C-alpha atoms as a PDB file:
ATOM      1  CA  MET A   1      35.504 -30.544  30.725  1.00  0.00           C
ATOM      2  CA  LYS A   2      38.354 -28.491  29.714  1.00  0.00           C
ATOM      3  CA  THR A   3      41.707 -27.857  31.373  1.00  0.00           C
ATOM      4  CA  MET A   4      43.056 -24.447  31.700  1.00  0.00           C
ATOM      5  CA  THR A   5      46.772 -23.350  32.455  1.00  0.00           C
ATOM      6  CA  LEU A   6      46.944 -19.954  33.900  1.00  0.00           C
ATOM      7  CA  ARG A   7      50.259 -18.125  33.878  1.00  0.00           C
ATOM      8  CA  ILE A   8      50.669 -14.994  35.756  1.00  0.00           C
ATOM      9  CA  PRO A   9      53.632 -12.930  36.612  1.00  0.00           C
ATOM     10  CA  ALA A  10      55.633 -13.579  39.852  1.00  0.00           C
ATOM     11  CA  VAL A  11      54.203 -10.332  41.419  1.00  0.00           C
ATOM     12  CA  GLU A  12      50.745 -11.316  40.800  1.00  0.00           C
ATOM     13  CA  GLU A  13      51.423 -14.588  42.023  1.00  0.00           C
ATOM     14  CA  ALA A  14      52.621 -13.360  45.376  1.00  0.00           C
ATOM     15  CA  MET A  15      49.436 -11.012  45.610  1.00  0.00           C
ATOM     16  CA  LEU A  16      47.256 -14.263  44.922  1.00  0.00           C
ATOM     17  CA  VAL A  17      48.850 -16.304  47.743  1.00  0.00           C
ATOM     18  CA  GLU A  18      48.279 -13.031  49.936  1.00  0.00           C
ATOM     19  CA  LEU A  19      44.510 -12.852  49.074  1.00  0.00           C
ATOM     20  CA  GLN A  20      44.197 -16.837  49.549  1.00  0.00           C
ATOM     21  CA  LYS A  21      45.437 -16.372  53.160  1.00  0.00           C
ATOM     22  CA  THR A  22      42.703 -13.825  53.911  1.00  0.00           C
ATOM     23  CA  ASN A  23      39.971 -14.494  51.670  1.00  0.00           C
ATOM     24  CA  LYS A  24      38.149 -17.836  51.359  1.00  0.00           C
ATOM     25  CA  SER A  25      36.872 -16.959  47.770  1.00  0.00           C
ATOM     26  CA  PHE A  26      40.509 -16.843  46.386  1.00  0.00           C
ATOM     27  CA  ARG A  27      41.217 -20.406  47.816  1.00  0.00           C
ATOM     28  CA  ASP A  28      39.328 -22.453  45.186  1.00  0.00           C
ATOM     29  CA  MET A  29      40.344 -20.675  41.694  1.00  0.00           C
ATOM     30  CA  GLN A  30      38.140 -22.994  39.937  1.00  0.00           C
ATOM     31  CA  THR A  31      34.926 -22.085  41.635  1.00  0.00           C
ATOM     32  CA  LEU A  32      35.968 -18.331  41.798  1.00  0.00           C
ATOM     33  CA  LEU A  33      36.519 -18.301  37.809  1.00  0.00           C
ATOM     34  CA  LEU A  34      32.976 -20.400  37.083  1.00  0.00           C
ATOM     35  CA  ASP A  35      31.263 -17.971  39.316  1.00  0.00           C
ATOM     36  CA  LEU A  36      32.770 -15.010  37.468  1.00  0.00           C
ATOM     37  CA  ILE A  37      32.241 -16.415  34.134  1.00  0.00           C
ATOM     38  CA  ARG A  38      28.286 -17.300  35.101  1.00  0.00           C
ATOM     39  CA  GLN A  39      27.927 -13.371  36.258  1.00  0.00           C
ATOM     40  CA  LYS A  40      29.127 -12.052  33.442  1.00  0.00           C
ATOM     41  CA  TYR A  41      27.287 -14.484  30.977  1.00  0.00           C
ATOM     42  CA  SER A  42      24.070 -13.899  32.671  1.00  0.00           C
ATOM     43  CA  LYS A  43      24.428 -10.099  31.560  1.00  0.00           C
ATOM     44  CA  THR A  44      24.560 -10.944  27.896  1.00  0.00           C
ATOM     45  CA  ALA A  45      21.883 -11.016  25.397  1.00  0.00           C
ATOM     46  CA  GLN A  46      22.107 -14.899  25.343  1.00  0.00           C
ATOM     47  CA  GLY A  47      22.571 -15.440  28.944  1.00  0.00           C
ATOM     48  CA  ARG A  48      19.484 -13.273  30.011  1.00  0.00           C
ATOM     49  CA  GLY A  49      17.602 -15.570  27.370  1.00  0.00           C
ATOM     50  CA  GLN A  50      18.391 -18.426  29.532  1.00  0.00           C
ATOM     51  CA  SER A  51      16.552 -18.796  32.900  1.00  0.00           C
ATOM     52  CA  ASN A  52      19.203 -21.256  34.230  1.00  0.00           C
ATOM     53  CA  VAL A  53      22.833 -22.256  33.225  1.00  0.00           C
ATOM     54  CA  SER A  54      24.382 -25.357  34.498  1.00  0.00           C
END
């Protein structure tokens, strides 16, 4: 497993904190990012060629 460090400006960090208070999907950043990656990948030619990506 790879470790990623996310650096965001203070304004966006404050926005994220507010989103995390009201939107449960933003509380778990790892799951949010992995879901986004899987969604976008499934729309690529490679992703459409595979039935299930784990």
